[in-house]
Amino acid sequence: MEMVRVRDLSEGGAKIECSRHFKPGTQVVLDTAKTGEVTGKIVWSKDGRAGIDFDIEVVLKFDAKPVKLKTPKSATYRRPTLMPQITAKPAKAEDWQ
């Protein structure tokens, strides 16, 4: 058994970080809290990382703890206030043209 670090996990496979080189095609068993024990095979291995293709599609387990979901307060609509129109009039009638 070798301890590895899971770098990416999906229903169909995983990318792991490990201290040894695995030959592609090597059968492995990955056991994590999110997947349980799942079998698969190494599809690539390079520079201390490897890709595993699971034999079956797994259902990932996630924490089912209740969490707070914040929603924004409903926006209240306020009708915009209109500025009164002011027209400038000449002070004297003779200024009108």
Protein backbone atom coordinates (compact mmCIF):
# COMPACT_ATOMS: atom_id res chain seq x y z
CA MET A 1 0.00 0.00 0.00
CA GLU A 2 1.25 3.46 -0.85
CA MET A 3 -0.08 6.79 0.35
CA VAL A 4 -0.81 9.23 -2.47
CA ARG A 5 -2.23 12.74 -2.68
CA VAL A 6 -5.34 13.14 -4.82
CA ARG A 7 -4.99 16.27 -6.96
CA ASP A 8 -8.17 15.93 -9.02
CA LEU A 9 -11.17 13.68 -8.54
CA SER A 10 -14.18 13.03 -10.75
CA GLU A 11 -16.76 10.29 -11.28
CA GLY A 12 -14.59 8.65 -13.93
CA GLY A 13 -11.09 8.94 -12.55
CA ALA A 14 -8.46 10.75 -10.54
CA LYS A 15 -5.13 12.51 -10.85
CA ILE A 16 -2.75 11.56 -8.05
CA GLU A 17 0.62 12.71 -6.81
CA CYS A 18 2.91 9.87 -5.74
CA SER A 19 6.53 9.07 -4.97
CA ARG A 20 6.92 6.32 -7.56
CA HIS A 21 6.38 5.80 -11.26
CA PHE A 22 3.46 3.56 -12.21
CA LYS A 23 3.44 1.67 -15.48
CA PRO A 24 0.32 2.45 -17.59
CA GLY A 25 -2.13 -0.43 -17.36
CA THR A 26 -1.29 -1.20 -13.71
CA GLN A 27 -4.44 -2.14 -11.76
CA VAL A 28 -4.87 -0.08 -8.56
CA VAL A 29 -7.40 0.41 -5.78
CA LEU A 30 -8.00 3.99 -4.63
CA ASP A 31 -9.63 4.41 -1.23
CA THR A 32 -10.80 7.90 -0.27
CA ALA A 33 -13.49 9.26 2.00
CA LYS A 34 -15.36 10.64 -1.02
CA THR A 35 -15.25 7.50 -3.17
CA GLY A 36 -14.73 4.56 -0.83
CA GLU A 37 -12.69 1.75 -2.41
CA VAL A 38 -12.74 1.92 -6.18
CA THR A 39 -10.66 -0.06 -8.67
CA GLY A 40 -9.09 1.35 -11.78
CA LYS A 41 -6.01 1.35 -13.93
CA ILE A 42 -3.17 3.78 -14.44
CA VAL A 43 -3.51 5.47 -17.84
CA TRP A 44 -0.49 7.80 -17.59
CA SER A 45 2.38 8.49 -15.21
CA LYS A 46 4.90 11.34 -15.36
CA ASP A 47 6.99 13.43 -12.95
CA GLY A 48 5.49 12.02 -9.74
CA ARG A 49 1.89 12.24 -10.95
CA ALA A 50 -0.42 9.67 -12.47
CA GLY A 51 -3.89 9.40 -13.92
CA ILE A 52 -6.33 6.68 -12.88
CA ASP A 53 -9.30 5.61 -15.00
CA PHE A 54 -11.91 4.02 -12.72
CA ASP A 55 -13.43 0.68 -13.75
CA ILE A 56 -16.89 1.98 -12.88
CA GLU A 57 -18.34 5.46 -12.56
CA VAL A 58 -18.41 6.40 -8.89
CA VAL A 59 -20.77 8.61 -6.97
CA LEU A 60 -18.78 11.14 -5.00
CA LYS A 61 -19.83 11.62 -1.39
CA PHE A 62 -19.97 15.15 -0.06
CA ASP A 63 -20.62 16.51 3.39
CA ALA A 64 -24.34 16.86 3.95
CA LYS A 65 -24.05 19.40 6.73
CA PRO A 66 -26.55 22.23 6.57
CA VAL A 67 -24.98 25.49 5.48
CA LYS A 68 -26.27 29.02 5.44
CA LEU A 69 -27.34 30.32 2.08
CA LYS A 70 -27.55 34.06 1.97
CA THR A 71 -29.79 35.76 -0.51
CA PRO A 72 -29.85 39.46 -1.15
CA LYS A 73 -32.73 41.40 0.32
CA SER A 74 -35.41 41.96 -2.23
CA ALA A 75 -34.91 45.23 -3.96
CA THR A 76 -37.65 47.77 -3.42
CA TYR A 77 -38.57 49.86 -6.38
CA ARG A 78 -38.73 53.58 -5.87
CA ARG A 79 -40.18 55.74 -8.55
CA PRO A 80 -37.61 58.32 -9.57
CA THR A 81 -38.47 61.86 -8.63
CA LEU A 82 -38.67 64.22 -11.54
CA MET A 83 -36.95 67.53 -11.35
CA PRO A 84 -39.30 70.38 -12.15
CA GLN A 85 -38.56 72.03 -15.46
CA ILE A 86 -37.61 75.63 -15.03
CA THR A 87 -37.72 77.95 -17.97
CA ALA A 88 -36.00 81.26 -17.84
CA LYS A 89 -38.11 84.24 -18.92
CA PRO A 90 -36.77 87.69 -19.53
CA ALA A 91 -37.66 90.13 -16.80
CA LYS A 92 -38.97 92.74 -19.21
CA ALA A 93 -41.33 92.34 -22.15
CA GLU A 94 -39.00 94.29 -24.49
CA ASP A 95 -36.31 91.61 -23.98
CA TRP A 96 -38.55 89.13 -25.82
CA GLN A 97 -37.67 88.81 -29.45
